[in-house]
PDB file of N, CA and C in Angstrom:
ATOM      1  N   UNK A   1     -29.467 -19.560 -11.986  1.00  0.00           N
ATOM      2  CA  UNK A   1     -30.192 -20.810 -12.023  1.00  0.00           C
ATOM      3  C   UNK A   1     -31.580 -20.533 -12.591  1.00  0.00           C
ATOM      4  N   UNK A   2     -31.961 -21.263 -13.625  1.00  0.00           N
ATOM      5  CA  UNK A   2     -33.282 -21.032 -14.225  1.00  0.00           C
ATOM      6  C   UNK A   2     -34.379 -21.522 -13.291  1.00  0.00           C
ATOM      7  N   UNK A   3     -35.567 -20.892 -13.351  1.00  0.00           N
ATOM      8  CA  UNK A   3     -36.673 -21.334 -12.494  1.00  0.00           C
ATOM      9  C   UNK A   3     -37.095 -22.761 -12.856  1.00  0.00           C
ATOM     10  N   UNK A   4     -37.610 -23.448 -11.836  1.00  0.00           N
ATOM     11  CA  UNK A   4     -38.031 -24.841 -12.037  1.00  0.00           C
ATOM     12  C   UNK A   4     -39.346 -24.864 -12.799  1.00  0.00           C
ATOM     13  N   UNK A   5     -39.460 -25.822 -13.661  1.00  0.00           N
ATOM     14  CA  UNK A   5     -40.691 -25.969 -14.436  1.00  0.00           C
ATOM     15  C   UNK A   5     -41.711 -26.734 -13.609  1.00  0.00           C
ATOM     16  N   UNK A   6     -42.917 -26.709 -14.098  1.00  0.00           N
ATOM     17  CA  UNK A   6     -43.995 -27.448 -13.411  1.00  0.00           C
ATOM     18  C   UNK A   6     -43.678 -28.936 -13.353  1.00  0.00           C
ATOM     19  N   UNK A   7     -43.103 -29.453 -14.386  1.00  0.00           N
ATOM     20  CA  UNK A   7     -42.736 -30.872 -14.419  1.00  0.00           C
ATOM     21  C   UNK A   7     -41.708 -31.204 -13.367  1.00  0.00           C
ATOM     22  N   UNK A   8     -40.679 -30.301 -13.222  1.00  0.00           N
ATOM     23  CA  UNK A   8     -39.655 -30.534 -12.195  1.00  0.00           C
ATOM     24  C   UNK A   8     -40.271 -30.504 -10.801  1.00  0.00           C
ATOM     25  N   UNK A   9     -41.154 -29.526 -10.568  1.00  0.00           N
ATOM     26  CA  UNK A   9     -41.815 -29.423  -9.262  1.00  0.00           C
ATOM     27  C   UNK A   9     -42.655 -30.657  -8.973  1.00  0.00           C
ATOM     28  N   UNK A  10     -43.374 -31.135  -9.978  1.00  0.00           N
ATOM     29  CA  UNK A  10     -44.197 -32.332  -9.799  1.00  0.00           C
ATOM     30  C   UNK A  10     -43.322 -33.554  -9.520  1.00  0.00           C
ATOM     31  N   UNK A  11     -42.189 -33.655 -10.210  1.00  0.00           N
ATOM     32  CA  UNK A  11     -41.281 -34.776  -9.986  1.00  0.00           C
ATOM     33  C   UNK A  11     -40.757 -34.755  -8.547  1.00  0.00           C
ATOM     34  N   UNK A  12     -40.377 -33.565  -8.072  1.00  0.00           N
ATOM     35  CA  UNK A  12     -39.881 -33.448  -6.698  1.00  0.00           C
ATOM     36  C   UNK A  12     -40.962 -33.839  -5.688  1.00  0.00           C
ATOM     37  N   UNK A  13     -42.175 -33.363  -5.936  1.00  0.00           N
ATOM     38  CA  UNK A  13     -43.272 -33.714  -5.029  1.00  0.00           C
ATOM     39  C   UNK A  13     -43.537 -35.213  -5.060  1.00  0.00           C
ATOM     40  N   UNK A  14     -43.470 -35.809  -6.242  1.00  0.00           N
ATOM     41  CA  UNK A  14     -43.649 -37.258  -6.358  1.00  0.00           C
ATOM     42  C   UNK A  14     -42.589 -38.019  -5.586  1.00  0.00           C
ATOM     43  N   UNK A  15     -41.328 -37.548  -5.666  1.00  0.00           N
ATOM     44  CA  UNK A  15     -40.248 -38.189  -4.925  1.00  0.00           C
ATOM     45  C   UNK A  15     -40.472 -38.058  -3.421  1.00  0.00           C
ATOM     46  N   UNK A  16     -40.923 -36.883  -3.000  1.00  0.00           N
ATOM     47  CA  UNK A  16     -41.201 -36.686  -1.572  1.00  0.00           C
ATOM     48  C   UNK A  16     -42.326 -37.607  -1.100  1.00  0.00           C
ATOM     49  N   UNK A  17     -43.372 -37.712  -1.921  1.00  0.00           N
ATOM     50  CA  UNK A  17     -44.500 -38.580  -1.561  1.00  0.00           C
ATOM     51  C   UNK A  17     -44.050 -40.031  -1.493  1.00  0.00           C
ATOM     52  N   UNK A  18     -43.217 -40.443  -2.441  1.00  0.00           N
ATOM     53  CA  UNK A  18     -42.700 -41.809  -2.437  1.00  0.00           C
ATOM     54  C   UNK A  18     -41.869 -42.057  -1.185  1.00  0.00           C
ATOM     55  N   UNK A  19     -41.015 -41.085  -0.847  1.00  0.00           N
ATOM     56  CA  UNK A  19     -40.184 -41.209   0.355  1.00  0.00           C
ATOM     57  C   UNK A  19     -41.053 -41.305   1.606  1.00  0.00           C
ATOM     58  N   UNK A  20     -42.085 -40.454   1.693  1.00  0.00           N
ATOM     59  CA  UNK A  20     -42.982 -40.504   2.848  1.00  0.00           C
ATOM     60  C   UNK A  20     -43.730 -41.831   2.912  1.00  0.00           C
ATOM     61  N   UNK A  21     -44.146 -42.358   1.760  1.00  0.00           N
ATOM     62  CA  UNK A  21     -44.822 -43.650   1.724  1.00  0.00           C
ATOM     63  C   UNK A  21     -43.933 -44.763   2.243  1.00  0.00           C
ATOM     64  N   UNK A  22     -42.642 -44.732   1.843  1.00  0.00           N
ATOM     65  CA  UNK A  22     -41.706 -45.747   2.324  1.00  0.00           C
ATOM     66  C   UNK A  22     -41.508 -45.626   3.830  1.00  0.00           C
ATOM     67  N   UNK A  23     -41.398 -44.388   4.314  1.00  0.00           N
ATOM     68  CA  UNK A  23     -41.252 -44.185   5.760  1.00  0.00           C
ATOM     69  C   UNK A  23     -42.483 -44.701   6.506  1.00  0.00           C
ATOM     70  N   UNK A  24     -43.665 -44.426   5.941  1.00  0.00           N
ATOM     71  CA  UNK A  24     -44.902 -44.883   6.569  1.00  0.00           C
ATOM     72  C   UNK A  24     -44.954 -46.415   6.608  1.00  0.00           C
ATOM     73  N   UNK A  25     -44.571 -47.056   5.524  1.00  0.00           N
ATOM     74  CA  UNK A  25     -44.540 -48.520   5.495  1.00  0.00           C
ATOM     75  C   UNK A  25     -43.576 -49.061   6.549  1.00  0.00           C
ATOM     76  N   UNK A  26     -42.432 -48.416   6.673  1.00  0.00           N
ATOM     77  CA  UNK A  26     -41.455 -48.847   7.674  1.00  0.00           C
ATOM     78  C   UNK A  26     -42.030 -48.681   9.081  1.00  0.00           C
ATOM     79  N   UNK A  27     -42.716 -47.562   9.333  1.00  0.00           N
ATOM     80  CA  UNK A  27     -43.337 -47.349  10.646  1.00  0.00           C
ATOM     81  C   UNK A  27     -44.408 -48.398  10.931  1.00  0.00           C
ATOM     82  N   UNK A  28     -45.175 -48.756   9.917  1.00  0.00           N
ATOM     83  CA  UNK A  28     -46.205 -49.790  10.098  1.00  0.00           C
ATOM     84  C   UNK A  28     -45.569 -51.126  10.477  1.00  0.00           C
ATOM     85  N   UNK A  29     -44.494 -51.469   9.797  1.00  0.00           N
ATOM     86  CA  UNK A  29     -43.804 -52.714  10.124  1.00  0.00           C
ATOM     87  C   UNK A  29     -43.269 -52.686  11.557  1.00  0.00           C
ATOM     88  N   UNK A  30     -42.717 -51.546  11.946  1.00  0.00           N
ATOM     89  CA  UNK A  30     -42.194 -51.424  13.305  1.00  0.00           C
ATOM     90  C   UNK A  30     -43.324 -51.526  14.331  1.00  0.00           C
ATOM     91  N   UNK A  31     -44.451 -50.893  14.055  1.00  0.00           N
ATOM     92  CA  UNK A  31     -45.587 -50.970  14.969  1.00  0.00           C
ATOM     93  C   UNK A  31     -46.097 -52.402  15.092  1.00  0.00           C
ATOM     94  N   UNK A  32     -46.170 -53.112  13.993  1.00  0.00           N
ATOM     95  CA  UNK A  32     -46.600 -54.509  14.023  1.00  0.00           C
ATOM     96  C   UNK A  32     -45.643 -55.341  14.857  1.00  0.00           C
ATOM     97  N   UNK A  33     -44.330 -55.101  14.665  1.00  0.00           N
ATOM     98  CA  UNK A  33     -43.328 -55.833  15.430  1.00  0.00           C
ATOM     99  C   UNK A  33     -43.447 -55.511  16.919  1.00  0.00           C
ATOM    100  N   UNK A  34     -43.676 -54.244  17.250  1.00  0.00           N
ATOM    101  CA  UNK A  34     -43.814 -53.850  18.657  1.00  0.00           C
ATOM    102  C   UNK A  34     -45.075 -54.466  19.262  1.00  0.00           C
ATOM    103  N   UNK A  35     -46.184 -54.470  18.493  1.00  0.00           N
ATOM    104  CA  UNK A  35     -47.428 -55.077  18.986  1.00  0.00           C
ATOM    105  C   UNK A  35     -47.226 -56.569  19.267  1.00  0.00           C
ATOM    106  N   UNK A  36     -46.540 -57.239  18.361  1.00  0.00           N
ATOM    107  CA  UNK A  36     -46.285 -58.666  18.567  1.00  0.00           C
ATOM    108  C   UNK A  36     -45.429 -58.892  19.807  1.00  0.00           C
ATOM    109  N   UNK A  37     -44.445 -58.039  19.991  1.00  0.00           N
ATOM    110  CA  UNK A  37     -43.582 -58.162  21.172  1.00  0.00           C
ATOM    111  C   UNK A  37     -44.384 -57.917  22.444  1.00  0.00           C
ATOM    112  N   UNK A  38     -45.229 -56.887  22.436  1.00  0.00           N
ATOM    113  CA  UNK A  38     -46.065 -56.602  23.603  1.00  0.00           C
ATOM    114  C   UNK A  38     -47.034 -57.745  23.878  1.00  0.00           C
ATOM    115  N   UNK A  39     -47.594 -58.305  22.814  1.00  0.00           N
ATOM    116  CA  UNK A  39     -48.508 -59.429  22.989  1.00  0.00           C
ATOM    117  C   UNK A  39     -47.797 -60.622  23.626  1.00  0.00           C
ATOM    118  N   UNK A  40     -46.568 -60.856  23.211  1.00  0.00           N
ATOM    119  CA  UNK A  40     -45.814 -61.945  23.822  1.00  0.00           C
ATOM    120  C   UNK A  40     -45.549 -61.657  25.296  1.00  0.00           C
ATOM    121  N   UNK A  41     -45.290 -60.399  25.600  1.00  0.00           N
ATOM    122  CA  UNK A  41     -45.050 -60.032  26.995  1.00  0.00           C
ATOM    123  C   UNK A  41     -46.325 -60.179  27.825  1.00  0.00           C
ATOM    124  N   UNK A  42     -47.458 -59.849  27.221  1.00  0.00           N
ATOM    125  CA  UNK A  42     -48.731 -59.950  27.939  1.00  0.00           C
ATOM    126  C   UNK A  42     -49.238 -61.381  27.994  1.00  0.00           C
ATOM    127  N   UNK A  43     -48.739 -62.225  27.148  1.00  0.00           N
ATOM    128  CA  UNK A  43     -49.160 -63.623  27.151  1.00  0.00           C
ATOM    129  C   UNK A  43     -50.381 -63.871  26.278  1.00  0.00           C
ATOM    130  N   UNK A  44     -50.762 -62.884  25.491  1.00  0.00           N
ATOM    131  CA  UNK A  44     -51.912 -63.065  24.603  1.00  0.00           C
ATOM    132  C   UNK A  44     -51.449 -62.887  23.166  1.00  0.00           C
ATOM    133  N   UNK A  45     -51.941 -63.733  22.307  1.00  0.00           N
ATOM    134  CA  UNK A  45     -51.577 -63.628  20.910  1.00  0.00           C
ATOM    135  C   UNK A  45     -52.488 -62.612  20.221  1.00  0.00           C
ATOM    136  N   UNK A  46     -52.075 -62.206  19.051  1.00  0.00           N
ATOM    137  CA  UNK A  46     -52.878 -61.254  18.279  1.00  0.00           C
ATOM    138  C   UNK A  46     -54.228 -61.866  17.935  1.00  0.00           C
ATOM    139  N   UNK A  47     -54.228 -63.175  17.636  1.00  0.00           N
ATOM    140  CA  UNK A  47     -55.476 -63.842  17.300  1.00  0.00           C
ATOM    141  C   UNK A  47     -56.454 -63.813  18.472  1.00  0.00           C
ATOM    142  N   UNK A  48     -55.917 -64.014  19.685  1.00  0.00           N
ATOM    143  CA  UNK A  48     -56.784 -63.967  20.870  1.00  0.00           C
ATOM    144  C   UNK A  48     -57.358 -62.580  21.070  1.00  0.00           C
ATOM    145  N   UNK A  49     -56.545 -61.555  20.856  1.00  0.00           N
ATOM    146  CA  UNK A  49     -57.043 -60.184  20.993  1.00  0.00           C
ATOM    147  C   UNK A  49     -58.113 -59.894  19.943  1.00  0.00           C
ATOM    148  N   UNK A  50     -57.847 -60.328  18.724  1.00  0.00           N
ATOM    149  CA  UNK A  50     -58.834 -60.098  17.661  1.00  0.00           C
ATOM    150  C   UNK A  50     -60.128 -60.843  17.958  1.00  0.00           C
ATOM    151  N   UNK A  51     -59.986 -62.077  18.434  1.00  0.00           N
ATOM    152  CA  UNK A  51     -61.163 -62.858  18.786  1.00  0.00           C
ATOM    153  C   UNK A  51     -61.937 -62.174  19.902  1.00  0.00           C
ATOM    154  N   UNK A  52     -61.220 -61.694  20.916  1.00  0.00           N
ATOM    155  CA  UNK A  52     -61.868 -60.980  22.017  1.00  0.00           C
ATOM    156  C   UNK A  52     -62.565 -59.720  21.500  1.00  0.00           C
ATOM    157  N   UNK A  53     -61.896 -59.008  20.608  1.00  0.00           N
ATOM    158  CA  UNK A  53     -62.488 -57.794  20.031  1.00  0.00           C
ATOM    159  C   UNK A  53     -63.736 -58.133  19.207  1.00  0.00           C
ATOM    160  N   UNK A  54     -63.650 -59.206  18.413  1.00  0.00           N
ATOM    161  CA  UNK A  54     -64.805 -59.634  17.616  1.00  0.00           C
ATOM    162  C   UNK A  54     -65.982 -60.033  18.501  1.00  0.00           C
ATOM    163  N   UNK A  55     -65.697 -60.726  19.581  1.00  0.00           N
ATOM    164  CA  UNK A  55     -66.759 -61.138  20.509  1.00  0.00           C
ATOM    165  C   UNK A  55     -67.401 -59.916  21.139  1.00  0.00           C
ATOM    166  N   UNK A  56     -66.575 -58.929  21.518  1.00  0.00           N
ATOM    167  CA  UNK A  56     -67.124 -57.690  22.075  1.00  0.00           C
ATOM    168  C   UNK A  56     -68.030 -56.989  21.077  1.00  0.00           C
ATOM    169  N   UNK A  57     -67.599 -56.936  19.824  1.00  0.00           N
ATOM    170  CA  UNK A  57     -68.425 -56.297  18.784  1.00  0.00           C
ATOM    171  C   UNK A  57     -69.751 -57.034  18.611  1.00  0.00           C
ATOM    172  N   UNK A  58     -69.672 -58.351  18.537  1.00  0.00           N
ATOM    173  CA  UNK A  58     -70.890 -59.143  18.347  1.00  0.00           C
ATOM    174  C   UNK A  58     -71.846 -58.992  19.524  1.00  0.00           C
ATOM    175  N   UNK A  59     -71.299 -58.948  20.725  1.00  0.00           N
ATOM    176  CA  UNK A  59     -72.122 -58.752  21.915  1.00  0.00           C
ATOM    177  C   UNK A  59     -72.788 -57.384  21.893  1.00  0.00           C
ATOM    178  N   UNK A  60     -72.056 -56.383  21.472  1.00  0.00           N
ATOM    179  CA  UNK A  60     -72.621 -55.036  21.370  1.00  0.00           C
ATOM    180  C   UNK A  60     -73.735 -54.995  20.328  1.00  0.00           C
ATOM    181  N   UNK A  61     -73.524 -55.642  19.197  1.00  0.00           N
ATOM    182  CA  UNK A  61     -74.544 -55.683  18.148  1.00  0.00           C
ATOM    183  C   UNK A  61     -75.772 -56.443  18.635  1.00  0.00           C
ATOM    184  N   UNK A  62     -75.557 -57.570  19.323  1.00  0.00           N
ATOM    185  CA  UNK A  62     -76.688 -58.346  19.842  1.00  0.00           C
ATOM    186  C   UNK A  62     -77.458 -57.537  20.872  1.00  0.00           C
ATOM    187  N   UNK A  63     -76.758 -56.798  21.703  1.00  0.00           N
ATOM    188  CA  UNK A  63     -77.416 -55.960  22.701  1.00  0.00           C
ATOM    189  C   UNK A  63     -78.255 -54.880  22.033  1.00  0.00           C
ATOM    190  N   UNK A  64     -77.705 -54.262  20.995  1.00  0.00           N
ATOM    191  CA  UNK A  64     -78.445 -53.230  20.260  1.00  0.00           C
ATOM    192  C   UNK A  64     -79.678 -53.827  19.585  1.00  0.00           C
ATOM    193  N   UNK A  65     -79.518 -55.018  18.994  1.00  0.00           N
ATOM    194  CA  UNK A  65     -80.660 -55.673  18.350  1.00  0.00           C
ATOM    195  C   UNK A  65     -81.740 -56.023  19.369  1.00  0.00           C
ATOM    196  N   UNK A  66     -81.331 -56.476  20.557  1.00  0.00           N
ATOM    197  CA  UNK A  66     -82.292 -56.788  21.605  1.00  0.00           C
ATOM    198  C   UNK A  66     -83.064 -55.541  22.029  1.00  0.00           C
ATOM    199  N   UNK A  67     -82.379 -54.417  22.150  1.00  0.00           N
ATOM    200  CA  UNK A  67     -83.060 -53.166  22.495  1.00  0.00           C
ATOM    201  C   UNK A  67     -84.073 -52.793  21.416  1.00  0.00           C
ATOM    202  N   UNK A  68     -83.689 -52.961  20.157  1.00  0.00           N
ATOM    203  CA  UNK A  68     -84.617 -52.666  19.055  1.00  0.00           C
ATOM    204  C   UNK A  68     -85.847 -53.572  19.109  1.00  0.00           C
ATOM    205  N   UNK A  69     -85.623 -54.865  19.382  1.00  0.00           N
ATOM    206  CA  UNK A  69     -86.748 -55.798  19.466  1.00  0.00           C
ATOM    207  C   UNK A  69     -87.685 -55.440  20.617  1.00  0.00           C
ATOM    208  N   UNK A  70     -87.104 -55.058  21.758  1.00  0.00           N
ATOM    209  CA  UNK A  70     -87.941 -54.654  22.890  1.00  0.00           C
ATOM    210  C   UNK A  70     -88.765 -53.418  22.543  1.00  0.00           C
ATOM    211  N   UNK A  71     -88.158 -52.482  21.835  1.00  0.00           N
ATOM    212  CA  UNK A  71     -88.870 -51.273  21.430  1.00  0.00           C
ATOM    213  C   UNK A  71     -90.013 -51.623  20.478  1.00  0.00           C
ATOM    214  N   UNK A  72     -89.741 -52.517  19.513  1.00  0.00           N
ATOM    215  CA  UNK A  72     -90.792 -52.926  18.568  1.00  0.00           C
ATOM    216  C   UNK A  72     -91.922 -53.652  19.280  1.00  0.00           C
ATOM    217  N   UNK A  73     -91.579 -54.475  20.284  1.00  0.00           N
ATOM    218  CA  UNK A  73     -92.600 -55.180  21.043  1.00  0.00           C
ATOM    219  C   UNK A  73     -93.486 -54.184  21.784  1.00  0.00           C
ATOM    220  N   UNK A  74     -92.879 -53.181  22.400  1.00  0.00           N
ATOM    221  CA  UNK A  74     -93.660 -52.156  23.088  1.00  0.00           C
ATOM    222  C   UNK A  74     -94.573 -51.421  22.112  1.00  0.00           C
ATOM    223  N   UNK A  75     -94.051 -51.122  20.911  1.00  0.00           N
ATOM    224  CA  UNK A  75     -94.871 -50.452  19.899  1.00  0.00           C
ATOM    225  C   UNK A  75     -96.028 -51.339  19.451  1.00  0.00           C
ATOM    226  N   UNK A  76     -95.765 -52.659  19.311  1.00  0.00           N
ATOM    227  CA  UNK A  76     -96.829 -53.569  18.892  1.00  0.00           C
ATOM    228  C   UNK A  76     -97.927 -53.646  19.942  1.00  0.00           C
ATOM    229  N   UNK A  77     -97.559 -53.669  21.215  1.00  0.00           N
ATOM    230  CA  UNK A  77     -98.559 -53.704  22.287  1.00  0.00           C
ATOM    231  C   UNK A  77     -99.397 -52.427  22.244  1.00  0.00           C
ATOM    232  N   UNK A  78     -98.744 -51.282  22.046  1.00  0.00           N
ATOM    233  CA  UNK A  78     -99.477 -50.016  21.973  1.00  0.00           C
ATOM    234  C   UNK A  78    -100.419 -50.006  20.769  1.00  0.00           C
ATOM    235  N   UNK A  79     -99.953 -50.505  19.628  1.00  0.00           N
ATOM    236  CA  UNK A  79    -100.804 -50.554  18.430  1.00  0.00           C
ATOM    237  C   UNK A  79    -101.988 -51.495  18.641  1.00  0.00           C
ATOM    238  N   UNK A  80    -101.735 -52.630  19.280  1.00  0.00           N
ATOM    239  CA  UNK A  80    -102.810 -53.585  19.535  1.00  0.00           C
ATOM    240  C   UNK A  80    -103.873 -52.940  20.429  1.00  0.00           C
ATOM    241  N   UNK A  81    -103.458 -52.212  21.454  1.00  0.00           N
ATOM    242  CA  UNK A  81    -104.407 -51.545  22.335  1.00  0.00           C
ATOM    243  C   UNK A  81    -105.188 -50.491  21.561  1.00  0.00           C
ATOM    244  N   UNK A  82    -104.540 -49.771  20.641  1.00  0.00           N
ATOM    245  CA  UNK A  82    -105.242 -48.789  19.816  1.00  0.00           C
ATOM    246  C   UNK A  82    -106.312 -49.476  18.971  1.00  0.00           C
ATOM    247  N   UNK A  83    -106.009 -50.647  18.428  1.00  0.00           N
ATOM    248  CA  UNK A  83    -106.987 -51.385  17.637  1.00  0.00           C
ATOM    249  C   UNK A  83    -108.172 -51.795  18.497  1.00  0.00           C
ATOM    250  N   UNK A  84    -107.916 -52.317  19.693  1.00  0.00           N
ATOM    251  CA  UNK A  84    -109.009 -52.730  20.572  1.00  0.00           C
ATOM    252  C   UNK A  84    -109.862 -51.544  21.010  1.00  0.00           C
ATOM    253  N   UNK A  85    -109.250 -50.374  21.152  1.00  0.00           N
ATOM    254  CA  UNK A  85    -110.030 -49.182  21.490  1.00  0.00           C
ATOM    255  C   UNK A  85    -111.009 -48.847  20.369  1.00  0.00           C
ATOM    256  N   UNK A  86    -110.548 -48.986  19.123  1.00  0.00           N
ATOM    257  CA  UNK A  86    -111.437 -48.714  17.988  1.00  0.00           C
ATOM    258  C   UNK A  86    -112.569 -49.732  17.914  1.00  0.00           C
ATOM    259  N   UNK A  87    -112.252 -51.004  18.131  1.00  0.00           N
ATOM    260  CA  UNK A  87    -113.277 -52.052  18.101  1.00  0.00           C
ATOM    261  C   UNK A  87    -114.299 -51.812  19.210  1.00  0.00           C
ATOM    262  N   UNK A  88    -113.822 -51.485  20.392  1.00  0.00           N
ATOM    263  CA  UNK A  88    -114.713 -51.221  21.520  1.00  0.00           C
ATOM    264  C   UNK A  88    -115.596 -50.003  21.247  1.00  0.00           C
ATOM    265  N   UNK A  89    -115.013 -48.955  20.672  1.00  0.00           N
ATOM    266  CA  UNK A  89    -115.797 -47.762  20.348  1.00  0.00           C
ATOM    267  C   UNK A  89    -116.875 -48.086  19.316  1.00  0.00           C
ATOM    268  N   UNK A  90    -116.549 -48.891  18.310  1.00  0.00           N
ATOM    269  CA  UNK A  90    -117.534 -49.272  17.296  1.00  0.00           C
ATOM    270  C   UNK A  90    -118.642 -50.114  17.916  1.00  0.00           C
ATOM    271  N   UNK A  91    -118.288 -51.059  18.786  1.00  0.00           N
ATOM    272  CA  UNK A  91    -119.263 -51.907  19.441  1.00  0.00           C
ATOM    273  C   UNK A  91    -120.203 -51.083  20.324  1.00  0.00           C
ATOM    274  N   UNK A  92    -119.635 -50.198  21.146  1.00  0.00           N
ATOM    275  CA  UNK A  92    -120.467 -49.362  22.006  1.00  0.00           C
ATOM    276  C   UNK A  92    -121.338 -48.408  21.189  1.00  0.00           C
ATOM    277  N   UNK A  93    -120.794 -47.902  20.084  1.00  0.00           N
ATOM    278  CA  UNK A  93    -121.579 -47.028  19.217  1.00  0.00           C
ATOM    279  C   UNK A  93    -122.771 -47.747  18.626  1.00  0.00           C
ATOM    280  N   UNK A  94    -122.573 -49.008  18.201  1.00  0.00           N
ATOM    281  CA  UNK A  94    -123.687 -49.768  17.626  1.00  0.00           C
ATOM    282  C   UNK A  94    -124.738 -50.087  18.696  1.00  0.00           C
ATOM    283  N   UNK A  95    -124.291 -50.414  19.908  1.00  0.00           N
ATOM    284  CA  UNK A  95    -125.249 -50.694  20.998  1.00  0.00           C
ATOM    285  C   UNK A  95    -126.055 -49.436  21.325  1.00  0.00           C
ATOM    286  N   UNK A  96    -125.377 -48.289  21.388  1.00  0.00           N
ATOM    287  CA  UNK A  96    -126.090 -47.037  21.664  1.00  0.00           C
ATOM    288  C   UNK A  96    -127.071 -46.685  20.548  1.00  0.00           C
ATOM    289  N   UNK A  97    -126.702 -46.977  19.309  1.00  0.00           N
ATOM    290  CA  UNK A  97    -127.610 -46.708  18.186  1.00  0.00           C
ATOM    291  C   UNK A  97    -128.853 -47.574  18.289  1.00  0.00           C
ATOM    292  N   UNK A  98    -128.681 -48.859  18.592  1.00  0.00           N
ATOM    293  CA  UNK A  98    -129.831 -49.765  18.746  1.00  0.00           C
ATOM    294  C   UNK A  98    -130.688 -49.318  19.921  1.00  0.00           C
ATOM    295  N   UNK A  99    -130.039 -48.965  21.027  1.00  0.00           N
ATOM    296  CA  UNK A  99    -130.787 -48.518  22.217  1.00  0.00           C
ATOM    297  C   UNK A  99    -131.542 -47.224  21.930  1.00  0.00           C
ATOM    298  N   UNK A 100    -130.921 -46.296  21.196  1.00  0.00           N
ATOM    299  CA  UNK A 100    -131.600 -45.038  20.865  1.00  0.00           C
ATOM    300  C   UNK A 100    -132.799 -45.310  19.962  1.00  0.00           C
ATOM    301  N   UNK A 101    -132.658 -46.236  19.023  1.00  0.00           N
ATOM    302  CA  UNK A 101    -133.787 -46.593  18.163  1.00  0.00           C
ATOM    303  C   UNK A 101    -134.919 -47.215  18.973  1.00  0.00           C
ATOM    304  N   UNK A 102    -134.581 -48.085  19.903  1.00  0.00           N
ATOM    305  CA  UNK A 102    -135.578 -48.718  20.753  1.00  0.00           C
ATOM    306  C   UNK A 102    -136.306 -47.677  21.613  1.00  0.00           C
ATOM    307  N   UNK A 103    -135.558 -46.767  22.216  1.00  0.00           N
ATOM    308  CA  UNK A 103    -136.159 -45.708  23.031  1.00  0.00           C
ATOM    309  C   UNK A 103    -137.018 -44.809  22.154  1.00  0.00           C
ATOM    310  N   UNK A 104    -136.563 -44.520  20.956  1.00  0.00           N
ATOM    311  CA  UNK A 104    -137.331 -43.678  20.034  1.00  0.00           C
ATOM    312  C   UNK A 104    -138.673 -44.324  19.709  1.00  0.00           C
ATOM    313  N   UNK A 105    -138.660 -45.636  19.442  1.00  0.00           N
ATOM    314  CA  UNK A 105    -139.931 -46.321  19.154  1.00  0.00           C
ATOM    315  C   UNK A 105    -140.850 -46.326  20.369  1.00  0.00           C
ATOM    316  N   UNK A 106    -140.278 -46.539  21.558  1.00  0.00           N
ATOM    317  CA  UNK A 106    -141.100 -46.510  22.769  1.00  0.00           C
ATOM    318  C   UNK A 106    -141.738 -45.138  22.975  1.00  0.00           C
ATOM    319  N   UNK A 107    -140.939 -44.096  22.762  1.00  0.00           N
ATOM    320  CA  UNK A 107    -141.472 -42.735  22.942  1.00  0.00           C
ATOM    321  C   UNK A 107    -142.540 -42.454  21.896  1.00  0.00           C
ATOM    322  N   UNK A 108    -142.308 -42.857  20.650  1.00  0.00           N
ATOM    323  CA  UNK A 108    -143.302 -42.629  19.611  1.00  0.00           C
ATOM    324  C   UNK A 108    -144.587 -43.399  19.924  1.00  0.00           C
ATOM    325  N   UNK A 109    -144.458 -44.628  20.386  1.00  0.00           N
ATOM    326  CA  UNK A 109    -145.640 -45.427  20.731  1.00  0.00           C
ATOM    327  C   UNK A 109    -146.370 -44.806  21.913  1.00  0.00           C
ATOM    328  N   UNK A 110    -145.629 -44.359  22.897  1.00  0.00           N
ATOM    329  CA  UNK A 110    -146.212 -43.764  24.101  1.00  0.00           C
ATOM    330  C   UNK A 110    -146.921 -42.456  23.777  1.00  0.00           C
ATOM    331  N   UNK A 111    -146.346 -41.687  22.859  1.00  0.00           N
ATOM    332  CA  UNK A 111    -146.938 -40.414  22.472  1.00  0.00           C
ATOM    333  C   UNK A 111    -148.038 -40.606  21.416  1.00  0.00           C
ATOM    334  N   UNK A 112    -148.111 -41.746  20.840  1.00  0.00           N
ATOM    335  CA  UNK A 112    -149.120 -42.039  19.856  1.00  0.00           C
ATOM    336  C   UNK A 112    -148.785 -41.545  18.459  1.00  0.00           C
ATOM    337  N   UNK A 113    -147.526 -41.330  18.172  1.00  0.00           N
ATOM    338  CA  UNK A 113    -147.108 -40.809  16.875  1.00  0.00           C
ATOM    339  C   UNK A 113    -146.825 -41.892  15.851  1.00  0.00           C
ATOM    340  N   UNK A 114    -146.469 -43.040  16.293  1.00  0.00           N
ATOM    341  CA  UNK A 114    -146.063 -44.054  15.342  1.00  0.00           C
ATOM    342  C   UNK A 114    -147.028 -45.191  15.304  1.00  0.00           C
ATOM    343  N   UNK A 115    -146.743 -46.200  14.493  1.00  0.00           N
ATOM    344  CA  UNK A 115    -147.605 -47.385  14.443  1.00  0.00           C
ATOM    345  C   UNK A 115    -147.518 -48.157  15.740  1.00  0.00           C
ATOM    346  N   UNK A 116    -148.552 -48.836  16.112  1.00  0.00           N
ATOM    347  CA  UNK A 116    -148.584 -49.597  17.371  1.00  0.00           C
ATOM    348  C   UNK A 116    -147.675 -50.779  17.388  1.00  0.00           C
TER     349      UNK A 116
END
């Protein structure tokens, strides 16, 4: 028997793949039929299960979005407090500068170094 050529080997593999694909399609059909039968036994239709699954997904997404919003709100409060700290520091710095200038003039006047 002569050795098989690459073309023959590829043809055989293609036939095997086709056969496996047909078997897989048949299994999918059987699984769908079994799911429908089980759903009838449970009293719930596939649409109801899908709807329930969709609602669960949406609830999970909404919950995740709510957590993100709460986190952003906490970050905004922290940022706002950081801004107020800077404003307060600038305000106190300006008051201290004015007070230091006033004290400096008083000391200069008291010591007789500056204009009256």
